[in-house]
Amino acid sequence: MGLRQSLLVGLCVATATLGGCVTMEPTPEARAVRLVQEQSFVATCRWVAEVKGGQYAPVIGAVAHTIENARTLMREEAAQRGANVVLVTQRTESVYGTWMYGEAYACPGQ
């Protein structure tokens, strides 16, 4: 393999690795979804679905952006299902990434 091909392969690997470190930009609908941790916030709401979001860290230990991406993915799924609030039921973080689980609700006046 020549120098040019080696540089091209290296550039592709670096791009793929760094691309995994990007924080996702939520849609306007997802930005409107609130994440809550107390059951009392959804007491008068209609249950819609279970939702989840998660991301593996592209480099072991580089997990800071995976927290925000897990939240964004969960909000996106809730918005697509017509919910505006998510009760977060579980959050797991490790050096390998972040995973979140919750219950999506449609709440009046939120």
N, C-alpha and C. Protein backbone atom coordinates (compact mmCIF):
# COMPACT_ATOMS: atom_id res chain seq x y z
N MET A 1 0.85 -1.16 0.00
CA MET A 1 0.00 0.00 0.00
C MET A 1 0.90 1.23 0.00
N GLY A 2 0.60 2.17 -0.87
CA GLY A 2 1.41 3.37 -0.98
C GLY A 2 1.08 4.38 0.11
N LEU A 3 1.88 5.43 0.16
CA LEU A 3 1.70 6.46 1.17
C LEU A 3 0.33 7.13 1.04
N ARG A 4 -0.05 7.41 -0.20
CA ARG A 4 -1.34 8.08 -0.41
C ARG A 4 -2.50 7.21 0.08
N GLN A 5 -2.47 5.92 -0.21
CA GLN A 5 -3.53 5.02 0.23
C GLN A 5 -3.54 4.89 1.75
N SER A 6 -2.35 4.85 2.36
CA SER A 6 -2.27 4.76 3.81
C SER A 6 -2.86 6.00 4.46
N LEU A 7 -2.57 7.16 3.91
CA LEU A 7 -3.13 8.40 4.45
C LEU A 7 -4.64 8.44 4.30
N LEU A 8 -5.13 7.95 3.18
CA LEU A 8 -6.57 7.93 2.95
C LEU A 8 -7.27 7.00 3.94
N VAL A 9 -6.72 5.82 4.17
CA VAL A 9 -7.29 4.88 5.14
C VAL A 9 -7.26 5.50 6.53
N GLY A 10 -6.15 6.11 6.90
CA GLY A 10 -6.03 6.76 8.21
C GLY A 10 -7.05 7.87 8.38
N LEU A 11 -7.27 8.65 7.34
CA LEU A 11 -8.25 9.73 7.38
C LEU A 11 -9.66 9.17 7.57
N CYS A 12 -9.98 8.09 6.89
CA CYS A 12 -11.30 7.48 7.01
C CYS A 12 -11.53 6.95 8.43
N VAL A 13 -10.53 6.30 9.00
CA VAL A 13 -10.65 5.77 10.37
C VAL A 13 -10.82 6.91 11.36
N ALA A 14 -10.03 7.97 11.21
CA ALA A 14 -10.13 9.13 12.11
C ALA A 14 -11.49 9.79 12.00
N THR A 15 -12.00 9.93 10.81
CA THR A 15 -13.31 10.55 10.60
C THR A 15 -14.41 9.72 11.25
N ALA A 16 -14.36 8.41 11.08
CA ALA A 16 -15.37 7.54 11.67
C ALA A 16 -15.31 7.59 13.19
N THR A 17 -14.11 7.61 13.74
CA THR A 17 -13.95 7.66 15.20
C THR A 17 -14.45 8.98 15.76
N LEU A 18 -14.04 10.08 15.17
CA LEU A 18 -14.45 11.39 15.66
C LEU A 18 -15.93 11.65 15.41
N GLY A 19 -16.46 11.09 14.34
CA GLY A 19 -17.87 11.26 14.04
C GLY A 19 -18.75 10.67 15.13
N GLY A 20 -18.26 9.64 15.81
CA GLY A 20 -18.99 9.04 16.90
C GLY A 20 -19.01 9.91 18.14
N CYS A 21 -18.17 10.94 18.18
CA CYS A 21 -18.08 11.82 19.35
C CYS A 21 -18.95 13.06 19.21
N VAL A 22 -19.74 13.14 18.18
CA VAL A 22 -20.55 14.32 17.92
C VAL A 22 -21.85 14.24 18.71
N THR A 23 -22.23 15.35 19.31
CA THR A 23 -23.51 15.42 20.01
C THR A 23 -24.61 15.67 18.99
N MET A 24 -25.66 14.85 19.03
CA MET A 24 -26.75 14.95 18.07
C MET A 24 -27.57 16.22 18.31
N GLU A 25 -28.07 16.79 17.24
CA GLU A 25 -28.94 17.97 17.32
C GLU A 25 -30.39 17.49 17.26
N PRO A 26 -31.18 17.72 18.33
CA PRO A 26 -32.57 17.25 18.32
C PRO A 26 -33.44 18.07 17.38
N THR A 27 -34.50 17.45 16.90
CA THR A 27 -35.49 18.15 16.09
C THR A 27 -36.28 19.10 16.99
N PRO A 28 -36.99 20.07 16.42
CA PRO A 28 -37.82 20.96 17.24
C PRO A 28 -38.86 20.19 18.06
N GLU A 29 -39.42 19.13 17.50
CA GLU A 29 -40.41 18.33 18.22
C GLU A 29 -39.78 17.66 19.44
N ALA A 30 -38.58 17.14 19.27
CA ALA A 30 -37.89 16.47 20.38
C ALA A 30 -37.48 17.47 21.46
N ARG A 31 -37.13 18.68 21.07
CA ARG A 31 -36.76 19.70 22.06
C ARG A 31 -37.92 20.02 23.00
N ALA A 32 -39.13 19.84 22.51
CA ALA A 32 -40.32 20.14 23.31
C ALA A 32 -40.66 19.04 24.33
N VAL A 33 -40.02 17.89 24.23
CA VAL A 33 -40.29 16.78 25.15
C VAL A 33 -39.48 16.97 26.43
N ARG A 34 -40.20 16.95 27.57
CA ARG A 34 -39.54 17.08 28.87
C ARG A 34 -39.17 15.72 29.42
N LEU A 35 -38.00 15.64 30.05
CA LEU A 35 -37.61 14.44 30.77
C LEU A 35 -37.80 14.70 32.26
N VAL A 36 -38.51 13.80 32.94
CA VAL A 36 -38.76 13.93 34.37
C VAL A 36 -38.36 12.64 35.06
N GLN A 37 -38.18 12.73 36.39
CA GLN A 37 -37.77 11.54 37.14
C GLN A 37 -38.73 11.17 38.26
N GLU A 38 -39.80 11.94 38.42
CA GLU A 38 -40.76 11.66 39.49
C GLU A 38 -42.12 11.30 38.90
N GLN A 39 -42.68 10.22 39.39
CA GLN A 39 -43.96 9.71 38.92
C GLN A 39 -45.07 10.76 39.04
N SER A 40 -44.99 11.64 40.03
CA SER A 40 -46.04 12.64 40.25
C SER A 40 -46.20 13.59 39.07
N PHE A 41 -45.15 13.78 38.27
CA PHE A 41 -45.22 14.67 37.11
C PHE A 41 -46.13 14.12 36.01
N VAL A 42 -46.36 12.82 36.00
CA VAL A 42 -47.17 12.21 34.94
C VAL A 42 -48.47 11.62 35.47
N ALA A 43 -48.85 11.97 36.68
CA ALA A 43 -50.05 11.40 37.32
C ALA A 43 -51.33 11.65 36.54
N THR A 44 -51.43 12.80 35.88
CA THR A 44 -52.65 13.13 35.13
C THR A 44 -52.48 12.97 33.62
N CYS A 45 -51.44 12.28 33.22
CA CYS A 45 -51.11 12.13 31.79
C CYS A 45 -51.55 10.78 31.25
N ARG A 46 -51.62 10.70 29.93
CA ARG A 46 -51.97 9.45 29.24
C ARG A 46 -50.69 8.74 28.81
N TRP A 47 -50.53 7.47 29.23
CA TRP A 47 -49.36 6.69 28.86
C TRP A 47 -49.38 6.44 27.36
N VAL A 48 -48.21 6.57 26.70
CA VAL A 48 -48.14 6.37 25.26
C VAL A 48 -47.32 5.12 24.92
N ALA A 49 -46.10 5.03 25.41
CA ALA A 49 -45.24 3.89 25.05
C ALA A 49 -43.97 3.90 25.89
N GLU A 50 -43.30 2.76 25.90
CA GLU A 50 -41.96 2.71 26.47
C GLU A 50 -40.99 3.23 25.41
N VAL A 51 -39.99 3.97 25.85
CA VAL A 51 -38.99 4.52 24.93
C VAL A 51 -37.60 4.26 25.49
N LYS A 52 -36.62 4.31 24.61
CA LYS A 52 -35.24 4.12 25.05
C LYS A 52 -34.31 4.92 24.15
N GLY A 53 -33.14 5.15 24.65
CA GLY A 53 -32.11 5.83 23.88
C GLY A 53 -30.76 5.41 24.42
N GLY A 54 -29.81 5.29 23.56
CA GLY A 54 -28.48 4.90 24.02
C GLY A 54 -27.45 4.99 22.92
N GLN A 55 -26.21 5.01 23.35
CA GLN A 55 -25.11 5.08 22.39
C GLN A 55 -23.85 4.50 23.01
N TYR A 56 -23.17 3.69 22.23
CA TYR A 56 -21.86 3.21 22.64
C TYR A 56 -20.85 4.33 22.48
N ALA A 57 -19.86 4.36 23.35
CA ALA A 57 -18.78 5.33 23.24
C ALA A 57 -17.86 4.87 22.11
N PRO A 58 -17.47 5.77 21.20
CA PRO A 58 -16.59 5.39 20.09
C PRO A 58 -15.18 5.03 20.58
N VAL A 59 -14.80 5.58 21.71
CA VAL A 59 -13.51 5.29 22.34
C VAL A 59 -13.84 5.00 23.80
N ILE A 60 -13.34 3.90 24.33
CA ILE A 60 -13.66 3.54 25.71
C ILE A 60 -13.34 4.70 26.64
N GLY A 61 -14.33 5.10 27.42
CA GLY A 61 -14.16 6.19 28.37
C GLY A 61 -14.61 7.54 27.87
N ALA A 62 -14.82 7.69 26.58
CA ALA A 62 -15.28 8.97 26.01
C ALA A 62 -16.80 8.98 25.98
N VAL A 63 -17.42 9.14 27.16
CA VAL A 63 -18.86 8.97 27.27
C VAL A 63 -19.65 10.25 27.49
N ALA A 64 -18.98 11.38 27.65
CA ALA A 64 -19.70 12.62 27.97
C ALA A 64 -20.80 12.93 26.96
N HIS A 65 -20.52 12.81 25.68
CA HIS A 65 -21.53 13.12 24.66
C HIS A 65 -22.59 12.03 24.55
N THR A 66 -22.30 10.82 25.01
CA THR A 66 -23.29 9.74 24.88
C THR A 66 -24.48 9.97 25.80
N ILE A 67 -24.29 10.69 26.91
CA ILE A 67 -25.40 11.01 27.82
C ILE A 67 -26.40 11.89 27.09
N GLU A 68 -25.91 12.95 26.48
CA GLU A 68 -26.79 13.87 25.76
C GLU A 68 -27.44 13.17 24.57
N ASN A 69 -26.70 12.33 23.86
CA ASN A 69 -27.27 11.62 22.71
C ASN A 69 -28.34 10.62 23.14
N ALA A 70 -28.15 9.96 24.28
CA ALA A 70 -29.19 9.04 24.79
C ALA A 70 -30.46 9.81 25.09
N ARG A 71 -30.32 10.99 25.71
CA ARG A 71 -31.49 11.83 25.99
C ARG A 71 -32.19 12.25 24.69
N THR A 72 -31.38 12.66 23.72
CA THR A 72 -31.94 13.11 22.44
C THR A 72 -32.69 11.98 21.75
N LEU A 73 -32.11 10.79 21.72
CA LEU A 73 -32.77 9.65 21.07
C LEU A 73 -34.08 9.30 21.75
N MET A 74 -34.10 9.38 23.08
CA MET A 74 -35.32 9.09 23.81
C MET A 74 -36.38 10.16 23.53
N ARG A 75 -35.98 11.41 23.50
CA ARG A 75 -36.93 12.49 23.18
C ARG A 75 -37.47 12.35 21.76
N GLU A 76 -36.60 11.99 20.81
CA GLU A 76 -37.03 11.81 19.42
C GLU A 76 -38.08 10.72 19.32
N GLU A 77 -37.84 9.59 19.97
CA GLU A 77 -38.80 8.48 19.91
C GLU A 77 -40.13 8.89 20.54
N ALA A 78 -40.06 9.59 21.67
CA ALA A 78 -41.29 10.04 22.34
C ALA A 78 -42.06 11.00 21.44
N ALA A 79 -41.38 11.95 20.83
CA ALA A 79 -42.04 12.93 19.95
C ALA A 79 -42.69 12.23 18.76
N GLN A 80 -42.02 11.25 18.19
CA GLN A 80 -42.58 10.51 17.05
C GLN A 80 -43.85 9.77 17.44
N ARG A 81 -43.97 9.40 18.68
CA ARG A 81 -45.15 8.66 19.16
C ARG A 81 -46.24 9.58 19.70
N GLY A 82 -46.00 10.90 19.66
CA GLY A 82 -47.00 11.85 20.10
C GLY A 82 -46.95 12.21 21.57
N ALA A 83 -45.87 11.88 22.24
CA ALA A 83 -45.73 12.18 23.67
C ALA A 83 -45.00 13.51 23.85
N ASN A 84 -45.19 14.12 25.03
CA ASN A 84 -44.47 15.37 25.31
C ASN A 84 -43.72 15.33 26.64
N VAL A 85 -43.82 14.20 27.37
CA VAL A 85 -43.08 14.02 28.62
C VAL A 85 -42.58 12.58 28.68
N VAL A 86 -41.35 12.41 29.18
CA VAL A 86 -40.81 11.06 29.39
C VAL A 86 -40.41 10.94 30.86
N LEU A 87 -40.95 9.92 31.50
CA LEU A 87 -40.55 9.57 32.86
C LEU A 87 -39.36 8.62 32.72
N VAL A 88 -38.19 9.09 33.11
CA VAL A 88 -36.97 8.27 33.01
C VAL A 88 -37.02 7.21 34.10
N THR A 89 -36.98 5.94 33.71
CA THR A 89 -37.07 4.85 34.67
C THR A 89 -35.73 4.18 34.95
N GLN A 90 -34.80 4.31 34.01
CA GLN A 90 -33.49 3.69 34.21
C GLN A 90 -32.44 4.42 33.38
N ARG A 91 -31.28 4.60 33.98
CA ARG A 91 -30.14 5.22 33.28
C ARG A 91 -28.89 4.45 33.65
N THR A 92 -28.19 3.97 32.65
CA THR A 92 -26.97 3.21 32.86
C THR A 92 -25.82 3.88 32.12
N GLU A 93 -24.78 4.18 32.84
CA GLU A 93 -23.58 4.76 32.25
C GLU A 93 -22.39 3.88 32.60
N SER A 94 -21.51 3.71 31.64
CA SER A 94 -20.26 3.00 31.88
C SER A 94 -19.21 3.56 30.93
N VAL A 95 -18.03 3.02 30.98
CA VAL A 95 -16.98 3.48 30.07
C VAL A 95 -17.30 3.12 28.62
N TYR A 96 -18.32 2.28 28.43
CA TYR A 96 -18.70 1.83 27.10
C TYR A 96 -19.83 2.65 26.47
N GLY A 97 -20.48 3.52 27.26
CA GLY A 97 -21.56 4.34 26.72
C GLY A 97 -22.65 4.59 27.73
N THR A 98 -23.79 5.08 27.23
CA THR A 98 -24.93 5.43 28.07
C THR A 98 -26.21 4.87 27.46
N TRP A 99 -27.09 4.33 28.33
CA TRP A 99 -28.38 3.82 27.90
C TRP A 99 -29.44 4.33 28.87
N MET A 100 -30.56 4.79 28.31
CA MET A 100 -31.66 5.30 29.12
C MET A 100 -32.96 4.66 28.68
N TYR A 101 -33.83 4.42 29.66
CA TYR A 101 -35.14 3.83 29.40
C TYR A 101 -36.19 4.69 30.09
N GLY A 102 -37.39 4.74 29.50
CA GLY A 102 -38.43 5.54 30.12
C GLY A 102 -39.80 5.21 29.58
N GLU A 103 -40.77 5.92 30.13
CA GLU A 103 -42.17 5.79 29.73
C GLU A 103 -42.61 7.14 29.17
N ALA A 104 -43.11 7.11 27.94
CA ALA A 104 -43.56 8.34 27.27
C ALA A 104 -45.03 8.59 27.59
N TYR A 105 -45.34 9.85 27.86
CA TYR A 105 -46.70 10.26 28.20
C TYR A 105 -47.13 11.48 27.38
N ALA A 106 -48.42 11.57 27.13
CA ALA A 106 -49.01 12.78 26.56
C ALA A 106 -49.68 13.51 27.72
N CYS A 107 -49.15 14.68 28.04
CA CYS A 107 -49.64 15.43 29.20
C CYS A 107 -50.28 16.74 28.73
N PRO A 108 -51.49 17.00 29.19
CA PRO A 108 -52.15 18.26 28.82
C PRO A 108 -51.43 19.45 29.45
N GLY A 109 -51.33 20.53 28.70
CA GLY A 109 -50.74 21.76 29.23
C GLY A 109 -49.25 21.74 29.44
N GLN A 110 -48.56 20.79 28.92
CA GLN A 110 -47.10 20.73 29.10
C GLN A 110 -46.38 21.40 27.96
